[in-house]
Amino acid sequence: MWKIFLMPLKYKEILRILKDFSYQKFHQTWSHERWYYLEKFWVTVPHHDELVPKTAKSILNDIAKHHSVPVEDIIKKYNIKL
């Protein structure tokens, strides 16, 4: 697990990353959305204005794992503020 402090990420930033990595929204229950990639990998994203750093880290780690890329590359590519 990587140990980088993240500032809270906006929901719109996470949404942009999910769409760029070809995730599709499957369904929503209350304030939580389920996003799928290739119908076998999924990520649950809370639909809030900002995501707390621990939640953002978890989502970014899942995306990196599903696509076999280092999470640092995602942080760099999307200029995520640390």
Protein backbone atom coordinates (compact mmCIF):
# COMPACT_ATOMS: atom_id res chain seq x y z
CA MET A 1 0.00 0.00 0.00
CA TRP A 2 1.31 3.45 -0.84
CA LYS A 3 1.71 6.04 1.88
CA ILE A 4 0.94 9.44 0.41
CA PHE A 5 -1.27 12.03 2.09
CA LEU A 6 -4.10 13.07 -0.16
CA MET A 7 -6.25 16.12 0.18
CA PRO A 8 -9.99 15.43 -0.17
CA LEU A 9 -10.85 14.75 -3.81
CA LYS A 10 -13.92 16.16 -5.45
CA TYR A 11 -16.48 13.67 -6.72
CA LYS A 12 -16.16 15.17 -10.22
CA GLU A 13 -12.44 14.35 -10.30
CA ILE A 14 -13.06 10.71 -9.39
CA LEU A 15 -15.86 10.57 -11.96
CA ARG A 16 -13.52 11.85 -14.69
CA ILE A 17 -10.90 9.22 -13.79
CA LEU A 18 -13.50 6.42 -13.81
CA LYS A 19 -14.80 7.47 -17.23
CA ASP A 20 -11.28 7.80 -18.67
CA PHE A 21 -10.55 4.24 -17.50
CA SER A 22 -13.75 2.99 -19.21
CA TYR A 23 -15.80 2.31 -16.09
CA GLN A 24 -19.56 2.45 -16.53
CA LYS A 25 -22.10 3.30 -13.88
CA PHE A 26 -24.13 0.22 -13.10
CA HIS A 27 -26.49 1.40 -10.37
CA GLN A 28 -26.93 3.68 -7.40
CA THR A 29 -28.29 3.00 -3.93
CA TRP A 30 -28.86 6.12 -1.90
CA SER A 31 -25.61 8.06 -2.11
CA HIS A 32 -23.40 5.19 -3.28
CA GLU A 33 -22.77 4.30 -6.91
CA ARG A 34 -21.42 1.05 -8.28
CA TRP A 35 -19.12 1.42 -11.31
CA TYR A 36 -18.03 -1.59 -13.42
CA TYR A 37 -15.13 -2.21 -15.77
CA LEU A 38 -15.38 -5.14 -18.21
CA GLU A 39 -18.27 -6.52 -16.14
CA LYS A 40 -15.85 -8.14 -13.71
CA PHE A 41 -14.15 -5.31 -11.80
CA TRP A 42 -16.22 -2.91 -9.73
CA VAL A 43 -15.70 0.16 -7.58
CA THR A 44 -18.18 1.64 -5.13
CA VAL A 45 -18.08 5.44 -5.04
CA PRO A 46 -19.95 7.62 -2.56
CA HIS A 47 -21.72 10.45 -4.36
CA HIS A 48 -20.61 13.32 -2.11
CA ASP A 49 -19.11 16.70 -3.02
CA GLU A 50 -15.75 15.63 -1.61
CA LEU A 51 -14.34 12.23 -0.75
CA VAL A 52 -12.26 11.86 2.39
CA PRO A 53 -8.61 10.93 1.72
CA LYS A 54 -8.97 7.33 2.93
CA THR A 55 -11.88 6.70 0.56
CA ALA A 56 -10.11 8.42 -2.34
CA LYS A 57 -7.00 6.29 -1.73
CA SER A 58 -9.07 3.12 -1.77
CA ILE A 59 -10.79 4.03 -5.05
CA LEU A 60 -7.50 5.00 -6.73
CA ASN A 61 -5.88 1.76 -5.52
CA ASP A 62 -8.75 -0.29 -6.98
CA ILE A 63 -8.50 1.48 -10.34
CA ALA A 64 -4.73 0.99 -10.43
CA LYS A 65 -5.07 -2.71 -9.53
CA HIS A 66 -7.76 -3.37 -12.16
CA HIS A 67 -5.61 -1.79 -14.88
CA SER A 68 -2.21 -3.03 -13.67
CA VAL A 69 -0.73 0.45 -13.45
CA PRO A 70 1.07 2.08 -10.52
CA VAL A 71 -1.24 4.36 -8.55
CA GLU A 72 1.47 7.04 -8.71
CA ASP A 73 0.95 7.17 -12.50
CA ILE A 74 -2.74 7.92 -12.00
CA ILE A 75 -1.92 10.64 -9.47
CA LYS A 76 0.59 12.19 -11.87
CA LYS A 77 -1.63 11.90 -14.98
CA TYR A 78 -4.59 13.63 -13.33
CA ASN A 79 -2.50 16.15 -11.40
CA ILE A 80 -4.08 15.14 -8.10
CA LYS A 81 -3.04 17.60 -5.42
CA LEU A 82 -1.07 16.03 -2.62
